[in-house]
């Protein structure tokens, strides 16, 4: 078991003017036993940062500590880490038992009987003890994933590093394995770094999220903190599915002029906005309501463009009736209430659920309101 310290780490590929900065001056403290998820789009630097922690890449600048030990000059084996890869990396000519025991034979002085005992115990934990004499080619994708996890667990490492380990599985099995990995990490209490581009995985698995984009650190926080208190427009748009809706506007007096409607700022919003003029209004699909008659709250008329039935809910894509282009936004609606394409409908944006961002920098300048119970829950996790 060990903590991890990433101290001002930068990783460049290439030299001179042609170099590419894959990781840009990142500092991070990871507690012993914590489950940390590196999340971001392709090319954000999340896998490079993990490979640097593993020793598979050497940082250009900065230091990495595992526990109290500076590991800059140590190779992967000496760092006592175990990795699980996207492609499982199993030896096709070896049995499950041989795959799981190979690392122990190469890196420890354990006797043959001790290795067999550890492999058998771990295989039972993973539910693959009946597969020990099979080869990888005889296993399903889920079984191969369990073998790869078991091979990592059997080494009893200080740190688990998992690089998109579920991306090759079908949706149902991926959900099952998410739960399985969470249970294992809780039982083993091993510091775990997990890389994914799937924000659903990130939200459901991590103690904290490390949100990256173009090699830069965007936000570090609990899943709920990143969802309800995004540091900037990128985090707000990346965390949550479907993504947050954004409306660019210009502030005139106390009114935000958006293409398709005007939005009157509340006193709380005005105190947050200060001297900002070009502003982006953000609202999540589940917070917008649709109705056919006038209700209290802010409204504008929109035309239904596309409806995606999902069962208990529907995703409804709309265009503000008064706008001059075809830009759409999405609303999560009750699936039991039919909505048809081409229908004209009233849209309500609750003032308390609105986020505001600076249109130039993307920084958050106003956060949504939360009720007291949600605030307590959020503060307990941060």
Protein backbone atom coordinates (compact mmCIF):
# COMPACT_ATOMS: atom_id res chain seq x y z
CA UNK A 1 0.00 0.00 0.00
CA UNK A 2 1.31 3.46 -0.82
CA UNK A 3 0.41 7.05 -1.51
CA UNK A 4 1.48 8.70 -4.79
CA UNK A 5 2.83 12.22 -5.24
CA UNK A 6 3.04 13.76 -8.72
CA UNK A 7 5.07 16.95 -8.38
CA UNK A 8 5.16 19.44 -11.30
CA UNK A 9 5.36 16.66 -13.89
CA UNK A 10 5.69 17.56 -17.57
CA UNK A 11 6.11 15.09 -20.42
CA UNK A 12 7.18 16.24 -23.89
CA UNK A 13 7.61 14.12 -26.98
CA UNK A 14 10.12 15.34 -29.57
CA UNK A 15 12.60 18.18 -29.31
CA UNK A 16 12.74 21.88 -30.04
CA UNK A 17 9.92 23.57 -31.88
CA UNK A 18 8.45 20.23 -32.97
CA UNK A 19 7.95 18.91 -29.46
CA UNK A 20 4.47 18.00 -28.22
CA UNK A 21 3.50 18.56 -24.59
CA UNK A 22 1.46 15.50 -23.58
CA UNK A 23 1.39 16.29 -19.84
CA UNK A 24 1.69 19.91 -18.80
CA UNK A 25 3.04 20.70 -15.30
CA UNK A 26 0.68 18.51 -13.26
CA UNK A 27 0.83 18.19 -9.47
CA UNK A 28 -1.35 15.73 -7.58
CA UNK A 29 -1.49 14.07 -4.15
CA UNK A 30 -3.09 10.61 -4.09
CA UNK A 31 -3.85 9.07 -0.69
CA UNK A 32 -3.00 5.53 0.34
CA UNK A 33 -5.88 3.26 -0.68
CA UNK A 34 -7.62 5.88 -2.82
CA UNK A 35 -9.33 5.05 -6.13
CA UNK A 36 -8.43 7.83 -8.57
CA UNK A 37 -9.84 8.05 -12.10
CA UNK A 38 -7.95 9.91 -14.84
CA UNK A 39 -10.68 10.98 -17.24
CA UNK A 40 -10.67 13.03 -20.42
CA UNK A 41 -11.09 12.75 -24.20
CA UNK A 42 -8.60 11.04 -26.51
CA UNK A 43 -5.31 12.95 -26.52
CA UNK A 44 -5.88 14.51 -23.11
CA UNK A 45 -2.71 12.97 -21.62
CA UNK A 46 -4.36 10.58 -19.17
CA UNK A 47 -2.61 7.41 -20.41
CA UNK A 48 0.73 9.22 -20.71
CA UNK A 49 0.43 10.41 -17.11
CA UNK A 50 -0.32 6.87 -15.95
CA UNK A 51 2.56 5.42 -17.96
CA UNK A 52 4.84 8.00 -16.37
CA UNK A 53 3.75 6.89 -12.90
CA UNK A 54 4.38 3.28 -13.99
CA UNK A 55 7.89 4.08 -15.27
CA UNK A 56 7.01 3.12 -18.83
CA UNK A 57 7.63 6.76 -19.81
CA UNK A 58 10.19 9.11 -18.28
CA UNK A 59 8.90 12.57 -17.40
CA UNK A 60 10.71 15.52 -18.96
CA UNK A 61 10.39 17.55 -15.78
CA UNK A 62 9.16 17.00 -12.24
CA UNK A 63 9.23 14.21 -9.67
CA UNK A 64 7.14 11.16 -8.83
CA UNK A 65 7.01 9.60 -5.37
CA UNK A 66 5.44 6.27 -4.43
CA UNK A 67 5.13 6.35 -0.68
CA UNK A 68 8.15 8.27 0.57
CA UNK A 69 10.41 7.00 -2.21
CA UNK A 70 11.46 9.10 -5.20
CA UNK A 71 11.02 6.73 -8.16
CA UNK A 72 12.27 8.88 -11.07
CA UNK A 73 15.16 6.54 -11.78
CA UNK A 74 13.40 3.26 -11.01
CA UNK A 75 12.04 0.91 -13.67
CA UNK A 76 8.49 -0.47 -13.56
CA UNK A 77 9.44 -3.67 -11.72
CA UNK A 78 11.22 -1.79 -8.94
CA UNK A 79 8.18 0.45 -8.35
CA UNK A 80 6.07 -2.52 -7.18
CA UNK A 81 3.09 -1.63 -9.35
CA UNK A 82 0.75 -3.88 -11.34
CA UNK A 83 -0.91 -2.83 -14.59
CA UNK A 84 -4.08 -3.99 -16.31
CA UNK A 85 -4.25 -3.02 -19.98
CA UNK A 86 -7.01 -2.50 -22.51
CA UNK A 87 -5.93 -5.56 -24.53
CA UNK A 88 -5.38 -7.78 -21.41
CA UNK A 89 -1.83 -8.68 -22.61
CA UNK A 90 -2.18 -12.39 -21.76
CA UNK A 91 0.32 -14.92 -23.08
CA UNK A 92 -1.69 -17.01 -25.58
CA UNK A 93 0.49 -20.13 -25.22
CA UNK A 94 0.17 -20.25 -21.43
CA UNK A 95 -2.72 -21.48 -19.29
CA UNK A 96 -4.58 -19.16 -16.95
CA UNK A 97 -2.55 -20.51 -14.04
CA UNK A 98 0.73 -19.91 -15.89
CA UNK A 99 -0.32 -16.38 -16.87
CA UNK A 100 -1.18 -15.51 -13.27
CA UNK A 101 1.95 -17.05 -11.78
CA UNK A 102 4.45 -15.77 -14.36
CA UNK A 103 5.05 -12.41 -12.66
CA UNK A 104 5.56 -14.04 -9.26
CA UNK A 105 8.12 -16.47 -10.69
CA UNK A 106 10.04 -13.63 -12.34
CA UNK A 107 10.00 -11.07 -9.52
CA UNK A 108 9.83 -12.96 -6.21
CA UNK A 109 11.61 -15.69 -4.28
CA UNK A 110 8.40 -17.51 -3.40
CA UNK A 111 8.46 -21.29 -3.57
CA UNK A 112 6.41 -23.21 -6.10
CA UNK A 113 3.85 -24.23 -3.46
CA UNK A 114 3.51 -20.62 -2.20
CA UNK A 115 2.94 -19.36 -5.74
CA UNK A 116 0.34 -22.05 -6.38
CA UNK A 117 -1.43 -21.14 -3.14
CA UNK A 118 -1.57 -17.42 -4.03
CA UNK A 119 -2.76 -18.11 -7.57
CA UNK A 120 -5.47 -20.51 -6.40
CA UNK A 121 -6.68 -18.10 -3.71
CA UNK A 122 -6.84 -15.20 -6.15
CA UNK A 123 -8.54 -17.29 -8.83
CA UNK A 124 -11.24 -18.26 -6.31
CA UNK A 125 -11.70 -14.58 -5.43
CA UNK A 126 -12.12 -13.75 -9.14
CA UNK A 127 -14.41 -16.69 -9.83
CA UNK A 128 -12.05 -18.26 -12.37
CA UNK A 129 -10.68 -21.18 -10.31
CA UNK A 130 -12.37 -23.61 -12.74
CA UNK A 131 -10.48 -22.04 -15.67
CA UNK A 132 -6.91 -22.39 -14.41
CA UNK A 133 -6.00 -25.02 -17.02
CA UNK A 134 -7.58 -23.18 -19.97
CA UNK A 135 -5.66 -20.98 -22.39
CA UNK A 136 -6.77 -17.38 -23.17
CA UNK A 137 -8.13 -18.45 -26.57
CA UNK A 138 -10.67 -20.66 -24.81
CA UNK A 139 -12.04 -17.81 -22.69
CA UNK A 140 -14.66 -15.14 -23.25
CA UNK A 141 -13.75 -11.45 -23.09
CA UNK A 142 -15.06 -11.16 -19.53
CA UNK A 143 -13.10 -14.21 -18.41
CA UNK A 144 -9.92 -12.86 -19.99
CA UNK A 145 -10.48 -9.57 -18.16
CA UNK A 146 -10.80 -11.44 -14.86
CA UNK A 147 -7.56 -13.28 -15.57
CA UNK A 148 -5.78 -9.98 -16.27
CA UNK A 149 -7.12 -8.54 -13.00
CA UNK A 150 -6.19 -11.71 -11.13
CA UNK A 151 -2.64 -11.57 -12.52
CA UNK A 152 -2.33 -8.05 -11.11
CA UNK A 153 -3.88 -8.90 -7.74
CA UNK A 154 -1.75 -11.99 -7.14
CA UNK A 155 1.40 -9.86 -7.07
CA UNK A 156 0.11 -7.89 -4.04
CA UNK A 157 1.45 -4.58 -5.42
CA UNK A 158 1.60 -1.17 -3.77
CA UNK A 159 -0.36 0.39 -6.63
CA UNK A 160 -2.81 -0.84 -9.29
CA UNK A 161 -2.71 0.97 -12.64
CA UNK A 162 -5.63 0.25 -14.99
CA UNK A 163 -5.58 1.68 -18.51
CA UNK A 164 -9.10 1.51 -20.02
CA UNK A 165 -9.45 -2.15 -18.98
CA UNK A 166 -13.15 -2.44 -19.87
CA UNK A 167 -13.26 -0.78 -23.28
CA UNK A 168 -13.23 -4.09 -25.20
CA UNK A 169 -16.25 -5.50 -23.37
CA UNK A 170 -19.90 -5.23 -24.37
CA UNK A 171 -22.11 -2.74 -22.49
CA UNK A 172 -23.74 -5.24 -20.11
CA UNK A 173 -20.49 -6.96 -19.18
CA UNK A 174 -18.79 -3.58 -18.76
CA UNK A 175 -21.40 -2.63 -16.15
CA UNK A 176 -20.86 -5.92 -14.32
CA UNK A 177 -17.08 -5.53 -14.34
CA UNK A 178 -17.32 -1.94 -13.05
CA UNK A 179 -19.08 -3.27 -9.97
CA UNK A 180 -16.57 -6.12 -9.70
CA UNK A 181 -13.54 -3.78 -9.82
CA UNK A 182 -15.11 -1.45 -7.24
CA UNK A 183 -15.73 -4.37 -4.89
CA UNK A 184 -12.20 -5.71 -5.33
CA UNK A 185 -10.63 -2.30 -4.74
CA UNK A 186 -12.66 -1.82 -1.57
CA UNK A 187 -11.75 -5.29 -0.30
CA UNK A 188 -8.05 -5.01 -1.15
CA UNK A 189 -7.73 -1.31 -0.20
CA UNK A 190 -4.92 -0.81 -2.73
CA UNK A 191 -4.16 2.61 -4.21
CA UNK A 192 -5.61 2.50 -7.73
CA UNK A 193 -5.19 4.75 -10.75
CA UNK A 194 -7.79 4.09 -13.44
CA UNK A 195 -7.76 5.64 -16.93
CA UNK A 196 -10.93 6.04 -18.95
CA UNK A 197 -12.52 8.33 -21.54
CA UNK A 198 -15.96 7.11 -20.44
CA UNK A 199 -17.37 9.65 -17.99
CA UNK A 200 -20.00 7.11 -16.81
CA UNK A 201 -17.19 4.83 -15.62
CA UNK A 202 -15.51 7.81 -14.01
CA UNK A 203 -18.64 8.91 -12.15
CA UNK A 204 -19.49 5.45 -10.82
CA UNK A 205 -16.02 4.20 -9.86
CA UNK A 206 -13.72 6.91 -8.55
CA UNK A 207 -13.24 8.35 -5.08
CA UNK A 208 -11.93 11.39 -6.94
CA UNK A 209 -11.72 12.35 -10.60
CA UNK A 210 -8.69 13.92 -12.27
CA UNK A 211 -10.14 15.65 -15.34
CA UNK A 212 -7.60 16.31 -18.11
CA UNK A 213 -7.73 18.05 -21.48
CA UNK A 214 -4.81 18.65 -23.89
CA UNK A 215 -2.40 17.56 -21.16
CA UNK A 216 -3.63 20.17 -18.69
CA UNK A 217 -5.30 19.52 -15.35
CA UNK A 218 -8.86 20.89 -15.43
CA UNK A 219 -10.23 19.81 -12.05
CA UNK A 220 -9.62 17.36 -9.21
CA UNK A 221 -12.66 16.47 -7.14
CA UNK A 222 -15.23 13.88 -6.19
CA UNK A 223 -17.64 12.80 -8.93
CA UNK A 224 -20.44 14.89 -7.40
CA UNK A 225 -18.20 17.93 -7.03
CA UNK A 226 -17.19 17.76 -10.70
CA UNK A 227 -20.84 17.33 -11.69
CA UNK A 228 -22.41 20.02 -9.52
CA UNK A 229 -19.43 22.37 -9.11
CA UNK A 230 -17.48 22.20 -12.42
CA UNK A 231 -14.37 24.37 -12.46
CA UNK A 232 -14.92 25.43 -16.06
CA UNK A 233 -17.02 24.90 -19.16
CA UNK A 234 -14.95 21.93 -20.34
CA UNK A 235 -15.58 19.96 -17.12
CA UNK A 236 -19.26 20.94 -17.16
CA UNK A 237 -19.62 19.64 -20.71
CA UNK A 238 -17.54 16.50 -20.28
CA UNK A 239 -18.99 15.22 -17.00
CA UNK A 240 -22.61 14.16 -17.36
CA UNK A 241 -24.54 12.30 -20.05
CA UNK A 242 -26.08 13.74 -22.12
CA UNK A 243 -23.74 16.72 -21.93
CA UNK A 244 -24.72 20.06 -20.45
CA UNK A 245 -26.41 22.43 -22.89
CA UNK A 246 -24.57 25.69 -23.60
CA UNK A 247 -26.05 28.93 -24.92
CA UNK A 248 -23.67 31.74 -25.86
CA UNK A 249 -24.92 35.21 -25.10
CA UNK A 250 -24.09 38.88 -24.55
CA UNK A 251 -24.98 40.62 -21.31
CA UNK A 252 -26.93 43.84 -21.73
CA UNK A 253 -28.05 45.40 -18.50
CA UNK A 254 -29.37 42.53 -16.41
CA UNK A 255 -30.40 40.45 -19.42
CA UNK A 256 -28.38 37.79 -21.23
CA UNK A 257 -29.20 38.02 -24.95
CA UNK A 258 -29.01 34.53 -26.45
CA UNK A 259 -29.76 33.50 -30.03
CA UNK A 260 -33.39 32.46 -29.64
CA UNK A 261 -34.33 33.91 -26.26
CA UNK A 262 -33.43 36.43 -23.57
CA UNK A 263 -32.58 35.37 -20.03
CA UNK A 264 -33.00 37.76 -17.10
CA UNK A 265 -30.28 37.32 -14.50
CA UNK A 266 -31.23 37.00 -10.84
CA UNK A 267 -29.59 39.21 -8.21
CA UNK A 268 -27.36 36.28 -7.20
CA UNK A 269 -26.23 35.84 -10.82
CA UNK A 270 -25.54 39.58 -11.20
CA UNK A 271 -23.27 39.53 -8.14
CA UNK A 272 -21.33 36.60 -9.67
CA UNK A 273 -21.07 38.04 -13.19
CA UNK A 274 -19.59 41.43 -12.20
CA UNK A 275 -17.85 42.91 -15.29
CA UNK A 276 -18.20 39.86 -17.58
CA UNK A 277 -20.08 40.65 -20.81
CA UNK A 278 -19.68 37.65 -23.14
CA UNK A 279 -21.22 34.79 -21.21
CA UNK A 280 -22.20 31.16 -21.79
CA UNK A 281 -25.32 29.89 -20.03
CA UNK A 282 -25.16 26.19 -19.08
CA UNK A 283 -28.08 23.98 -18.08
CA UNK A 284 -28.21 20.19 -17.80
CA UNK A 285 -30.79 18.24 -19.86
CA UNK A 286 -32.45 16.78 -16.78
CA UNK A 287 -33.03 20.24 -15.27
CA UNK A 288 -35.00 21.69 -18.19
CA UNK A 289 -38.76 21.12 -18.20
CA UNK A 290 -41.20 21.05 -21.11
CA UNK A 291 -44.90 21.90 -21.01
CA UNK A 292 -47.76 23.03 -23.21
CA UNK A 293 -49.12 25.84 -21.06
CA UNK A 294 -47.69 28.84 -19.25
CA UNK A 295 -46.23 28.07 -15.82
CA UNK A 296 -44.20 30.09 -13.35
CA UNK A 297 -40.54 30.40 -14.25
CA UNK A 298 -38.55 31.43 -17.28
CA UNK A 299 -39.92 30.22 -20.62
CA UNK A 300 -39.39 30.40 -24.35
CA UNK A 301 -40.91 28.52 -27.26
CA UNK A 302 -39.04 25.76 -29.10
CA UNK A 303 -39.63 23.30 -31.91
CA UNK A 304 -39.03 19.57 -31.41
CA UNK A 305 -36.37 18.38 -33.85
CA UNK A 306 -35.67 14.75 -32.84
CA UNK A 307 -37.02 12.44 -30.12
CA UNK A 308 -34.93 9.51 -28.84
CA UNK A 309 -37.10 7.14 -26.71
CA UNK A 310 -35.01 5.41 -24.02
CA UNK A 311 -37.82 3.68 -22.10
CA UNK A 312 -38.63 5.50 -18.88
CA UNK A 313 -37.12 8.69 -20.32
CA UNK A 314 -36.78 10.29 -23.75
CA UNK A 315 -34.06 12.59 -25.02
CA UNK A 316 -35.76 15.44 -26.87
CA UNK A 317 -33.70 17.65 -29.18
CA UNK A 318 -35.15 21.12 -29.73
CA UNK A 319 -34.47 24.41 -31.52
CA UNK A 320 -35.50 27.75 -30.01
CA UNK A 321 -38.33 28.96 -32.21
CA UNK A 322 -36.92 32.50 -32.49
CA UNK A 323 -33.28 31.61 -33.23
CA UNK A 324 -31.61 32.31 -36.57
CA UNK A 325 -29.76 28.99 -36.97
CA UNK A 326 -30.40 25.28 -36.49
CA UNK A 327 -28.45 24.75 -33.27
CA UNK A 328 -30.25 22.28 -31.02
CA UNK A 329 -30.24 21.53 -27.31
CA UNK A 330 -31.33 18.37 -25.52
CA UNK A 331 -33.88 17.83 -22.73
CA UNK A 332 -34.46 14.70 -20.66
CA UNK A 333 -38.23 14.18 -20.63
CA UNK A 334 -40.61 11.65 -19.07
CA UNK A 335 -40.83 8.70 -21.47
CA UNK A 336 -44.50 8.09 -20.63
CA UNK A 337 -45.56 11.43 -22.13
CA UNK A 338 -45.48 11.34 -25.95
CA UNK A 339 -43.68 14.17 -27.73
CA UNK A 340 -43.67 14.34 -31.51
CA UNK A 341 -41.21 15.80 -33.99
CA UNK A 342 -42.23 19.24 -35.24
CA UNK A 343 -44.26 19.96 -32.12
CA UNK A 344 -44.09 23.49 -30.69
CA UNK A 345 -43.53 23.45 -26.96
CA UNK A 346 -42.72 25.76 -24.05
CA UNK A 347 -39.33 25.40 -22.38
CA UNK A 348 -38.64 26.26 -18.76
CA UNK A 349 -35.06 26.84 -17.54
CA UNK A 350 -35.09 26.90 -13.72
CA UNK A 351 -32.99 29.85 -12.56
CA UNK A 352 -31.57 27.90 -9.61
CA UNK A 353 -30.06 25.23 -11.92
CA UNK A 354 -28.18 27.57 -14.27
CA UNK A 355 -24.37 27.75 -14.58
CA UNK A 356 -22.63 30.73 -16.17
CA UNK A 357 -19.20 30.66 -17.82
CA UNK A 358 -16.89 33.28 -19.28
CA UNK A 359 -17.20 32.92 -23.06
CA UNK A 360 -13.50 33.65 -23.65
CA UNK A 361 -11.72 31.71 -20.90
CA UNK A 362 -14.38 29.09 -20.12
CA UNK A 363 -13.97 29.69 -16.38
CA UNK A 364 -17.02 29.22 -14.18
CA UNK A 365 -18.43 32.53 -12.93
CA UNK A 366 -21.70 31.27 -11.42
CA UNK A 367 -22.65 27.85 -10.01
CA UNK A 368 -26.11 26.37 -9.69
CA UNK A 369 -27.89 26.43 -6.36
CA UNK A 370 -28.26 23.26 -4.30
CA UNK A 371 -30.72 22.48 -1.54
CA UNK A 372 -29.34 22.08 1.98
CA UNK A 373 -29.35 18.27 1.85
CA UNK A 374 -27.39 18.22 -1.43
CA UNK A 375 -24.92 20.78 -0.04
CA UNK A 376 -24.28 18.61 3.02
CA UNK A 377 -23.72 15.51 0.85
CA UNK A 378 -21.37 17.41 -1.44
CA UNK A 379 -19.39 18.90 1.44
CA UNK A 380 -19.03 15.48 3.09
CA UNK A 381 -17.38 14.12 -0.07
CA UNK A 382 -15.00 17.04 -0.68
